[in-house]
Amino acid sequence: MKTKFIYSLILSLGLVFAGSMVNNVSAQKTKTTVQHTAKKYTCTMHPEVVMDKPGKCPKCGMTLVEKKEVKKADMKTMKHKAVPAKVKKMPKK
């Protein structure tokens, strides 16, 4: 009788564990599909033009390029990378 209880407890825990793993895998698949469908396209000359599919800019006719999302961490590093060009001093006359 005790062994049947132990076996059923092990079986129950195994089923709970397997069910939670299936839920995690399906949640990860959903997140990746949402990321793939959220592509945006923009014009390099007119960044205010944003479309859901590739094509031509309605203002200038240039080909739209895929818009890349910039994360907050990247924005911090970009600020430090922007270094002004060195300007040569003009000789005095």
PDB file of N, CA and C in Angstrom:
ATOM      1  N   MET A   1       0.822  -1.186   0.000  1.00  0.00           N
ATOM      2  CA  MET A   1       0.000   0.000   0.000  1.00  0.00           C
ATOM      3  C   MET A   1       0.869   1.254   0.000  1.00  0.00           C
ATOM      4  N   LYS A   2       1.960   1.211   0.785  1.00  0.00           N
ATOM      5  CA  LYS A   2       2.845   2.360   0.856  1.00  0.00           C
ATOM      6  C   LYS A   2       3.550   2.574  -0.481  1.00  0.00           C
ATOM      7  N   THR A   3       3.912   1.523  -1.160  1.00  0.00           N
ATOM      8  CA  THR A   3       4.613   1.646  -2.437  1.00  0.00           C
ATOM      9  C   THR A   3       3.701   2.238  -3.500  1.00  0.00           C
ATOM     10  N   LYS A   4       2.405   1.876  -3.486  1.00  0.00           N
ATOM     11  CA  LYS A   4       1.464   2.454  -4.445  1.00  0.00           C
ATOM     12  C   LYS A   4       1.343   3.961  -4.227  1.00  0.00           C
ATOM     13  N   PHE A   5       1.332   4.379  -2.990  1.00  0.00           N
ATOM     14  CA  PHE A   5       1.256   5.811  -2.678  1.00  0.00           C
ATOM     15  C   PHE A   5       2.493   6.541  -3.186  1.00  0.00           C
ATOM     16  N   ILE A   6       3.676   5.951  -2.977  1.00  0.00           N
ATOM     17  CA  ILE A   6       4.922   6.575  -3.412  1.00  0.00           C
ATOM     18  C   ILE A   6       4.961   6.659  -4.937  1.00  0.00           C
ATOM     19  N   TYR A   7       4.555   5.568  -5.617  1.00  0.00           N
ATOM     20  CA  TYR A   7       4.546   5.574  -7.083  1.00  0.00           C
ATOM     21  C   TYR A   7       3.576   6.621  -7.627  1.00  0.00           C
ATOM     22  N   SER A   8       2.392   6.710  -7.027  1.00  0.00           N
ATOM     23  CA  SER A   8       1.432   7.715  -7.506  1.00  0.00           C
ATOM     24  C   SER A   8       1.923   9.129  -7.239  1.00  0.00           C
ATOM     25  N   LEU A   9       2.633   9.347  -6.133  1.00  0.00           N
ATOM     26  CA  LEU A   9       3.184  10.660  -5.838  1.00  0.00           C
ATOM     27  C   LEU A   9       4.261  11.025  -6.866  1.00  0.00           C
ATOM     28  N   ILE A  10       5.126  10.075  -7.187  1.00  0.00           N
ATOM     29  CA  ILE A  10       6.164  10.312  -8.191  1.00  0.00           C
ATOM     30  C   ILE A  10       5.542  10.584  -9.552  1.00  0.00           C
ATOM     31  N   LEU A  11       4.526   9.819  -9.915  1.00  0.00           N
ATOM     32  CA  LEU A  11       3.842  10.013 -11.193  1.00  0.00           C
ATOM     33  C   LEU A  11       3.176  11.386 -11.242  1.00  0.00           C
ATOM     34  N   SER A  12       2.543  11.791 -10.177  1.00  0.00           N
ATOM     35  CA  SER A  12       1.885  13.100 -10.122  1.00  0.00           C
ATOM     36  C   SER A  12       2.895  14.234 -10.285  1.00  0.00           C
ATOM     37  N   LEU A  13       3.996  14.145  -9.547  1.00  0.00           N
ATOM     38  CA  LEU A  13       5.027  15.174  -9.661  1.00  0.00           C
ATOM     39  C   LEU A  13       5.624  15.222 -11.069  1.00  0.00           C
ATOM     40  N   GLY A  14       5.812  14.068 -11.679  1.00  0.00           N
ATOM     41  CA  GLY A  14       6.335  14.007 -13.043  1.00  0.00           C
ATOM     42  C   GLY A  14       5.390  14.669 -14.029  1.00  0.00           C
ATOM     43  N   LEU A  15       4.086  14.432 -13.875  1.00  0.00           N
ATOM     44  CA  LEU A  15       3.105  15.051 -14.760  1.00  0.00           C
ATOM     45  C   LEU A  15       3.054  16.565 -14.574  1.00  0.00           C
ATOM     46  N   VAL A  16       3.145  17.023 -13.333  1.00  0.00           N
ATOM     47  CA  VAL A  16       3.159  18.467 -13.066  1.00  0.00           C
ATOM     48  C   VAL A  16       4.401  19.098 -13.692  1.00  0.00           C
ATOM     49  N   PHE A  17       5.534  18.450 -13.543  1.00  0.00           N
ATOM     50  CA  PHE A  17       6.777  18.972 -14.118  1.00  0.00           C
ATOM     51  C   PHE A  17       6.696  19.015 -15.647  1.00  0.00           C
ATOM     52  N   ALA A  18       6.203  17.952 -16.255  1.00  0.00           N
ATOM     53  CA  ALA A  18       6.095  17.904 -17.716  1.00  0.00           C
ATOM     54  C   ALA A  18       5.120  18.969 -18.216  1.00  0.00           C
ATOM     55  N   GLY A  19       4.030  19.183 -17.508  1.00  0.00           N
ATOM     56  CA  GLY A  19       3.063  20.209 -17.898  1.00  0.00           C
ATOM     57  C   GLY A  19       3.638  21.609 -17.827  1.00  0.00           C
ATOM     58  N   SER A  20       4.445  21.864 -16.826  1.00  0.00           N
ATOM     59  CA  SER A  20       5.041  23.195 -16.711  1.00  0.00           C
ATOM     60  C   SER A  20       6.089  23.420 -17.800  1.00  0.00           C
ATOM     61  N   MET A  21       6.800  22.388 -18.205  1.00  0.00           N
ATOM     62  CA  MET A  21       7.798  22.519 -19.265  1.00  0.00           C
ATOM     63  C   MET A  21       7.119  22.803 -20.608  1.00  0.00           C
ATOM     64  N   VAL A  22       5.998  22.147 -20.881  1.00  0.00           N
ATOM     65  CA  VAL A  22       5.270  22.379 -22.132  1.00  0.00           C
ATOM     66  C   VAL A  22       4.776  23.821 -22.166  1.00  0.00           C
ATOM     67  N   ASN A  23       4.313  24.334 -21.060  1.00  0.00           N
ATOM     68  CA  ASN A  23       3.826  25.714 -20.994  1.00  0.00           C
ATOM     69  C   ASN A  23       4.955  26.699 -21.273  1.00  0.00           C
ATOM     70  N   ASN A  24       6.140  26.460 -20.728  1.00  0.00           N
ATOM     71  CA  ASN A  24       7.279  27.352 -20.967  1.00  0.00           C
ATOM     72  C   ASN A  24       7.707  27.353 -22.424  1.00  0.00           C
ATOM     73  N   VAL A  25       7.723  26.190 -23.053  1.00  0.00           N
ATOM     74  CA  VAL A  25       8.143  26.090 -24.454  1.00  0.00           C
ATOM     75  C   VAL A  25       7.152  26.817 -25.346  1.00  0.00           C
ATOM     76  N   SER A  26       5.856  26.651 -25.110  1.00  0.00           N
ATOM     77  CA  SER A  26       4.863  27.326 -25.954  1.00  0.00           C
ATOM     78  C   SER A  26       4.912  28.841 -25.750  1.00  0.00           C
ATOM     79  N   ALA A  27       5.218  29.306 -24.549  1.00  0.00           N
ATOM     80  CA  ALA A  27       5.323  30.749 -24.298  1.00  0.00           C
ATOM     81  C   ALA A  27       6.527  31.324 -25.043  1.00  0.00           C
ATOM     82  N   GLN A  28       7.634  30.595 -25.105  1.00  0.00           N
ATOM     83  CA  GLN A  28       8.810  31.077 -25.827  1.00  0.00           C
ATOM     84  C   GLN A  28       8.539  31.150 -27.322  1.00  0.00           C
ATOM     85  N   LYS A  29       7.813  30.195 -27.881  1.00  0.00           N
ATOM     86  CA  LYS A  29       7.485  30.219 -29.309  1.00  0.00           C
ATOM     87  C   LYS A  29       6.606  31.418 -29.625  1.00  0.00           C
ATOM     88  N   THR A  30       5.681  31.744 -28.760  1.00  0.00           N
ATOM     89  CA  THR A  30       4.801  32.881 -28.984  1.00  0.00           C
ATOM     90  C   THR A  30       5.591  34.177 -28.997  1.00  0.00           C
ATOM     91  N   LYS A  31       6.540  34.340 -28.103  1.00  0.00           N
ATOM     92  CA  LYS A  31       7.343  35.561 -28.050  1.00  0.00           C
ATOM     93  C   LYS A  31       8.156  35.743 -29.326  1.00  0.00           C
ATOM     94  N   THR A  32       8.750  34.653 -29.844  1.00  0.00           N
ATOM     95  CA  THR A  32       9.568  34.784 -31.045  1.00  0.00           C
ATOM     96  C   THR A  32       8.722  35.100 -32.264  1.00  0.00           C
ATOM     97  N   THR A  33       7.512  34.558 -32.345  1.00  0.00           N
ATOM     98  CA  THR A  33       6.668  34.883 -33.501  1.00  0.00           C
ATOM     99  C   THR A  33       6.234  36.333 -33.467  1.00  0.00           C
ATOM    100  N   VAL A  34       5.997  36.883 -32.315  1.00  0.00           N
ATOM    101  CA  VAL A  34       5.600  38.283 -32.221  1.00  0.00           C
ATOM    102  C   VAL A  34       6.751  39.174 -32.668  1.00  0.00           C
ATOM    103  N   GLN A  35       7.971  38.821 -32.336  1.00  0.00           N
ATOM    104  CA  GLN A  35       9.111  39.622 -32.721  1.00  0.00           C
ATOM    105  C   GLN A  35       9.304  39.621 -34.236  1.00  0.00           C
ATOM    106  N   HIS A  36       9.053  38.492 -34.902  1.00  0.00           N
ATOM    107  CA  HIS A  36       9.260  38.422 -36.339  1.00  0.00           C
ATOM    108  C   HIS A  36       8.208  39.206 -37.116  1.00  0.00           C
ATOM    109  N   THR A  37       6.999  39.332 -36.599  1.00  0.00           N
ATOM    110  CA  THR A  37       5.946  40.030 -37.328  1.00  0.00           C
ATOM    111  C   THR A  37       5.959  41.530 -37.079  1.00  0.00           C
ATOM    112  N   ALA A  38       6.796  42.016 -36.168  1.00  0.00           N
ATOM    113  CA  ALA A  38       6.778  43.427 -35.807  1.00  0.00           C
ATOM    114  C   ALA A  38       7.826  44.240 -36.569  1.00  0.00           C
ATOM    115  N   LYS A  39       8.164  43.864 -37.814  1.00  0.00           N
ATOM    116  CA  LYS A  39       9.156  44.613 -38.578  1.00  0.00           C
ATOM    117  C   LYS A  39       8.553  45.906 -39.083  1.00  0.00           C
ATOM    118  N   LYS A  40       9.329  46.957 -39.022  1.00  0.00           N
ATOM    119  CA  LYS A  40       8.917  48.271 -39.517  1.00  0.00           C
ATOM    120  C   LYS A  40       9.952  48.735 -40.534  1.00  0.00           C
ATOM    121  N   TYR A  41       9.511  49.491 -41.507  1.00  0.00           N
ATOM    122  CA  TYR A  41      10.394  49.996 -42.556  1.00  0.00           C
ATOM    123  C   TYR A  41      10.302  51.517 -42.598  1.00  0.00           C
ATOM    124  N   THR A  42      11.441  52.169 -42.819  1.00  0.00           N
ATOM    125  CA  THR A  42      11.491  53.626 -42.805  1.00  0.00           C
ATOM    126  C   THR A  42      12.389  54.131 -43.926  1.00  0.00           C
ATOM    127  N   CYS A  43      12.246  55.418 -44.231  1.00  0.00           N
ATOM    128  CA  CYS A  43      13.067  56.063 -45.240  1.00  0.00           C
ATOM    129  C   CYS A  43      14.307  56.638 -44.551  1.00  0.00           C
ATOM    130  N   THR A  44      15.464  56.528 -45.207  1.00  0.00           N
ATOM    131  CA  THR A  44      16.682  57.055 -44.596  1.00  0.00           C
ATOM    132  C   THR A  44      16.698  58.577 -44.591  1.00  0.00           C
ATOM    133  N   MET A  45      15.993  59.199 -45.527  1.00  0.00           N
ATOM    134  CA  MET A  45      15.957  60.658 -45.587  1.00  0.00           C
ATOM    135  C   MET A  45      14.795  61.244 -44.783  1.00  0.00           C
ATOM    136  N   HIS A  46      13.742  60.457 -44.584  1.00  0.00           N
ATOM    137  CA  HIS A  46      12.555  60.916 -43.854  1.00  0.00           C
ATOM    138  C   HIS A  46      12.215  59.895 -42.774  1.00  0.00           C
ATOM    139  N   PRO A  47      12.855  59.979 -41.606  1.00  0.00           N
ATOM    140  CA  PRO A  47      12.628  58.974 -40.554  1.00  0.00           C
ATOM    141  C   PRO A  47      11.209  58.976 -39.993  1.00  0.00           C
ATOM    142  N   GLU A  48      10.445  60.021 -40.262  1.00  0.00           N
ATOM    143  CA  GLU A  48       9.059  60.044 -39.778  1.00  0.00           C
ATOM    144  C   GLU A  48       8.149  59.134 -40.594  1.00  0.00           C
ATOM    145  N   VAL A  49       8.606  58.711 -41.790  1.00  0.00           N
ATOM    146  CA  VAL A  49       7.841  57.786 -42.625  1.00  0.00           C
ATOM    147  C   VAL A  49       8.135  56.374 -42.130  1.00  0.00           C
ATOM    148  N   VAL A  50       7.123  55.703 -41.564  1.00  0.00           N
ATOM    149  CA  VAL A  50       7.273  54.340 -41.050  1.00  0.00           C
ATOM    150  C   VAL A  50       6.134  53.502 -41.618  1.00  0.00           C
ATOM    151  N   MET A  51       6.473  52.363 -42.230  1.00  0.00           N
ATOM    152  CA  MET A  51       5.470  51.477 -42.824  1.00  0.00           C
ATOM    153  C   MET A  51       5.686  50.046 -42.352  1.00  0.00           C
ATOM    154  N   ASP A  52       4.637  49.221 -42.488  1.00  0.00           N
ATOM    155  CA  ASP A  52       4.698  47.828 -42.054  1.00  0.00           C
ATOM    156  C   ASP A  52       5.359  46.912 -43.069  1.00  0.00           C
ATOM    157  N   LYS A  53       5.474  47.331 -44.319  1.00  0.00           N
ATOM    158  CA  LYS A  53       6.068  46.479 -45.345  1.00  0.00           C
ATOM    159  C   LYS A  53       7.030  47.301 -46.195  1.00  0.00           C
ATOM    160  N   PRO A  54       7.991  46.640 -46.852  1.00  0.00           N
ATOM    161  CA  PRO A  54       8.948  47.380 -47.673  1.00  0.00           C
ATOM    162  C   PRO A  54       8.261  48.000 -48.882  1.00  0.00           C
ATOM    163  N   GLY A  55       8.867  49.056 -49.411  1.00  0.00           N
ATOM    164  CA  GLY A  55       8.309  49.745 -50.559  1.00  0.00           C
ATOM    165  C   GLY A  55       9.108  51.000 -50.834  1.00  0.00           C
ATOM    166  N   LYS A  56       8.415  52.012 -51.339  1.00  0.00           N
ATOM    167  CA  LYS A  56       9.055  53.292 -51.668  1.00  0.00           C
ATOM    168  C   LYS A  56       8.530  54.372 -50.727  1.00  0.00           C
ATOM    169  N   CYS A  57       9.377  55.362 -50.440  1.00  0.00           N
ATOM    170  CA  CYS A  57       8.991  56.501 -49.611  1.00  0.00           C
ATOM    171  C   CYS A  57       8.015  57.363 -50.403  1.00  0.00           C
ATOM    172  N   PRO A  58       6.884  57.732 -49.806  1.00  0.00           N
ATOM    173  CA  PRO A  58       5.922  58.562 -50.529  1.00  0.00           C
ATOM    174  C   PRO A  58       6.423  59.995 -50.761  1.00  0.00           C
ATOM    175  N   LYS A  59       7.417  60.438 -50.002  1.00  0.00           N
ATOM    176  CA  LYS A  59       7.918  61.808 -50.147  1.00  0.00           C
ATOM    177  C   LYS A  59       8.996  61.924 -51.218  1.00  0.00           C
ATOM    178  N   CYS A  60       9.959  60.974 -51.223  1.00  0.00           N
ATOM    179  CA  CYS A  60      11.094  61.114 -52.143  1.00  0.00           C
ATOM    180  C   CYS A  60      11.259  59.936 -53.099  1.00  0.00           C
ATOM    181  N   GLY A  61      10.579  58.828 -52.861  1.00  0.00           N
ATOM    182  CA  GLY A  61      10.662  57.686 -53.760  1.00  0.00           C
ATOM    183  C   GLY A  61      11.808  56.733 -53.473  1.00  0.00           C
ATOM    184  N   MET A  62      12.575  56.974 -52.401  1.00  0.00           N
ATOM    185  CA  MET A  62      13.683  56.075 -52.053  1.00  0.00           C
ATOM    186  C   MET A  62      13.131  54.764 -51.492  1.00  0.00           C
ATOM    187  N   THR A  63      13.924  53.705 -51.596  1.00  0.00           N
ATOM    188  CA  THR A  63      13.528  52.406 -51.067  1.00  0.00           C
ATOM    189  C   THR A  63      13.552  52.453 -49.548  1.00  0.00           C
ATOM    190  N   LEU A  64      12.502  51.928 -48.918  1.00  0.00           N
ATOM    191  CA  LEU A  64      12.445  51.885 -47.460  1.00  0.00           C
ATOM    192  C   LEU A  64      13.366  50.781 -46.943  1.00  0.00           C
ATOM    193  N   VAL A  65      14.015  51.032 -45.828  1.00  0.00           N
ATOM    194  CA  VAL A  65      14.904  50.054 -45.203  1.00  0.00           C
ATOM    195  C   VAL A  65      14.308  49.619 -43.873  1.00  0.00           C
ATOM    196  N   GLU A  66      14.721  48.425 -43.418  1.00  0.00           N
ATOM    197  CA  GLU A  66      14.196  47.905 -42.156  1.00  0.00           C
ATOM    198  C   GLU A  66      14.675  48.763 -41.001  1.00  0.00           C
ATOM    199  N   LYS A  67      13.728  49.146 -40.146  1.00  0.00           N
ATOM    200  CA  LYS A  67      14.044  49.982 -38.987  1.00  0.00           C
ATOM    201  C   LYS A  67      14.539  49.084 -37.870  1.00  0.00           C
ATOM    202  N   LYS A  68      15.683  49.424 -37.311  1.00  0.00           N
ATOM    203  CA  LYS A  68      16.247  48.635 -36.221  1.00  0.00           C
ATOM    204  C   LYS A  68      15.959  49.330 -34.907  1.00  0.00           C
ATOM    205  N   GLU A  69      15.457  48.561 -33.957  1.00  0.00           N
ATOM    206  CA  GLU A  69      15.149  49.104 -32.641  1.00  0.00           C
ATOM    207  C   GLU A  69      16.439  49.307 -31.867  1.00  0.00           C
ATOM    208  N   VAL A  70      16.577  50.430 -31.211  1.00  0.00           N
ATOM    209  CA  VAL A  70      17.749  50.732 -30.404  1.00  0.00           C
ATOM    210  C   VAL A  70      17.359  50.607 -28.939  1.00  0.00           C
ATOM    211  N   LYS A  71      18.087  49.756 -28.225  1.00  0.00           N
ATOM    212  CA  LYS A  71      17.791  49.548 -26.811  1.00  0.00           C
ATOM    213  C   LYS A  71      18.368  50.694 -25.990  1.00  0.00           C
ATOM    214  N   LYS A  72      17.852  50.871 -24.770  1.00  0.00           N
ATOM    215  CA  LYS A  72      18.334  51.943 -23.902  1.00  0.00           C
ATOM    216  C   LYS A  72      19.816  51.791 -23.595  1.00  0.00           C
ATOM    217  N   ALA A  73      20.286  50.558 -23.418  1.00  0.00           N
ATOM    218  CA  ALA A  73      21.706  50.333 -23.127  1.00  0.00           C
ATOM    219  C   ALA A  73      22.553  50.790 -24.305  1.00  0.00           C
ATOM    220  N   ASP A  74      22.073  50.550 -25.540  1.00  0.00           N
ATOM    221  CA  ASP A  74      22.812  50.983 -26.720  1.00  0.00           C
ATOM    222  C   ASP A  74      22.842  52.500 -26.823  1.00  0.00           C
ATOM    223  N   MET A  75      21.776  53.157 -26.418  1.00  0.00           N
ATOM    224  CA  MET A  75      21.720  54.610 -26.486  1.00  0.00           C
ATOM    225  C   MET A  75      22.796  55.228 -25.593  1.00  0.00           C
ATOM    226  N   LYS A  76      23.036  54.649 -24.424  1.00  0.00           N
ATOM    227  CA  LYS A  76      24.053  55.175 -23.519  1.00  0.00           C
ATOM    228  C   LYS A  76      25.436  55.060 -24.149  1.00  0.00           C
ATOM    229  N   THR A  77      25.710  53.924 -24.792  1.00  0.00           N
ATOM    230  CA  THR A  77      27.028  53.751 -25.397  1.00  0.00           C
ATOM    231  C   THR A  77      27.172  54.608 -26.646  1.00  0.00           C
ATOM    232  N   MET A  78      26.084  54.860 -27.359  1.00  0.00           N
ATOM    233  CA  MET A  78      26.153  55.687 -28.559  1.00  0.00           C
ATOM    234  C   MET A  78      26.517  57.121 -28.210  1.00  0.00           C
ATOM    235  N   LYS A  79      26.049  57.610 -27.080  1.00  0.00           N
ATOM    236  CA  LYS A  79      26.356  58.977 -26.676  1.00  0.00           C
ATOM    237  C   LYS A  79      27.855  59.155 -26.472  1.00  0.00           C
ATOM    238  N   HIS A  80      28.499  58.128 -25.928  1.00  0.00           N
ATOM    239  CA  HIS A  80      29.926  58.224 -25.663  1.00  0.00           C
ATOM    240  C   HIS A  80      30.762  58.041 -26.926  1.00  0.00           C
ATOM    241  N   LYS A  81      30.230  57.358 -27.915  1.00  0.00           N
ATOM    242  CA  LYS A  81      30.977  57.105 -29.141  1.00  0.00           C
ATOM    243  C   LYS A  81      30.985  58.308 -30.072  1.00  0.00           C
ATOM    244  N   ALA A  82      30.025  59.193 -29.931  1.00  0.00           N
ATOM    245  CA  ALA A  82      29.950  60.345 -30.821  1.00  0.00           C
ATOM    246  C   ALA A  82      31.015  61.361 -30.416  1.00  0.00           C
ATOM    247  N   VAL A  83      32.130  61.328 -31.107  1.00  0.00           N
ATOM    248  CA  VAL A  83      33.249  62.219 -30.805  1.00  0.00           C
ATOM    249  C   VAL A  83      33.364  63.215 -31.946  1.00  0.00           C
ATOM    250  N   PRO A  84      33.415  64.503 -31.651  1.00  0.00           N
ATOM    251  CA  PRO A  84      33.539  65.486 -32.733  1.00  0.00           C
ATOM    252  C   PRO A  84      34.864  65.329 -33.461  1.00  0.00           C
ATOM    253  N   ALA A  85      34.831  65.678 -34.755  1.00  0.00           N
ATOM    254  CA  ALA A  85      36.036  65.571 -35.569  1.00  0.00           C
ATOM    255  C   ALA A  85      37.054  66.600 -35.107  1.00  0.00           C
ATOM    256  N   LYS A  86      38.333  66.263 -35.245  1.00  0.00           N
ATOM    257  CA  LYS A  86      39.381  67.193 -34.850  1.00  0.00           C
ATOM    258  C   LYS A  86      39.472  68.310 -35.898  1.00  0.00           C
ATOM    259  N   VAL A  87      39.562  69.497 -35.441  1.00  0.00           N
ATOM    260  CA  VAL A  87      39.650  70.652 -36.332  1.00  0.00           C
ATOM    261  C   VAL A  87      41.072  71.185 -36.281  1.00  0.00           C
ATOM    262  N   LYS A  88      41.649  71.325 -37.450  1.00  0.00           N
ATOM    263  CA  LYS A  88      43.021  71.863 -37.515  1.00  0.00           C
ATOM    264  C   LYS A  88      42.955  73.377 -37.357  1.00  0.00           C
ATOM    265  N   LYS A  89      43.921  73.898 -36.602  1.00  0.00           N
ATOM    266  CA  LYS A  89      43.983  75.333 -36.415  1.00  0.00           C
ATOM    267  C   LYS A  89      44.606  75.982 -37.631  1.00  0.00           C
ATOM    268  N   MET A  90      44.026  77.078 -38.022  1.00  0.00           N
ATOM    269  CA  MET A  90      44.553  77.821 -39.181  1.00  0.00           C
ATOM    270  C   MET A  90      45.797  78.595 -38.742  1.00  0.00           C
ATOM    271  N   PRO A  91      46.819  78.629 -39.560  1.00  0.00           N
ATOM    272  CA  PRO A  91      48.015  79.421 -39.199  1.00  0.00           C
ATOM    273  C   PRO A  91      47.713  80.910 -39.222  1.00  0.00           C
ATOM    274  N   LYS A  92      48.318  81.617 -38.324  1.00  0.00           N
ATOM    275  CA  LYS A  92      48.099  83.074 -38.253  1.00  0.00           C
ATOM    276  C   LYS A  92      48.871  83.766 -39.373  1.00  0.00           C
ATOM    277  N   LYS A  93      48.299  84.823 -39.899  1.00  0.00           N
ATOM    278  CA  LYS A  93      48.958  85.572 -40.988  1.00  0.00           C
ATOM    279  C   LYS A  93      49.719  86.748 -40.470  1.00  0.00           C
TER     280      LYS A  93
END
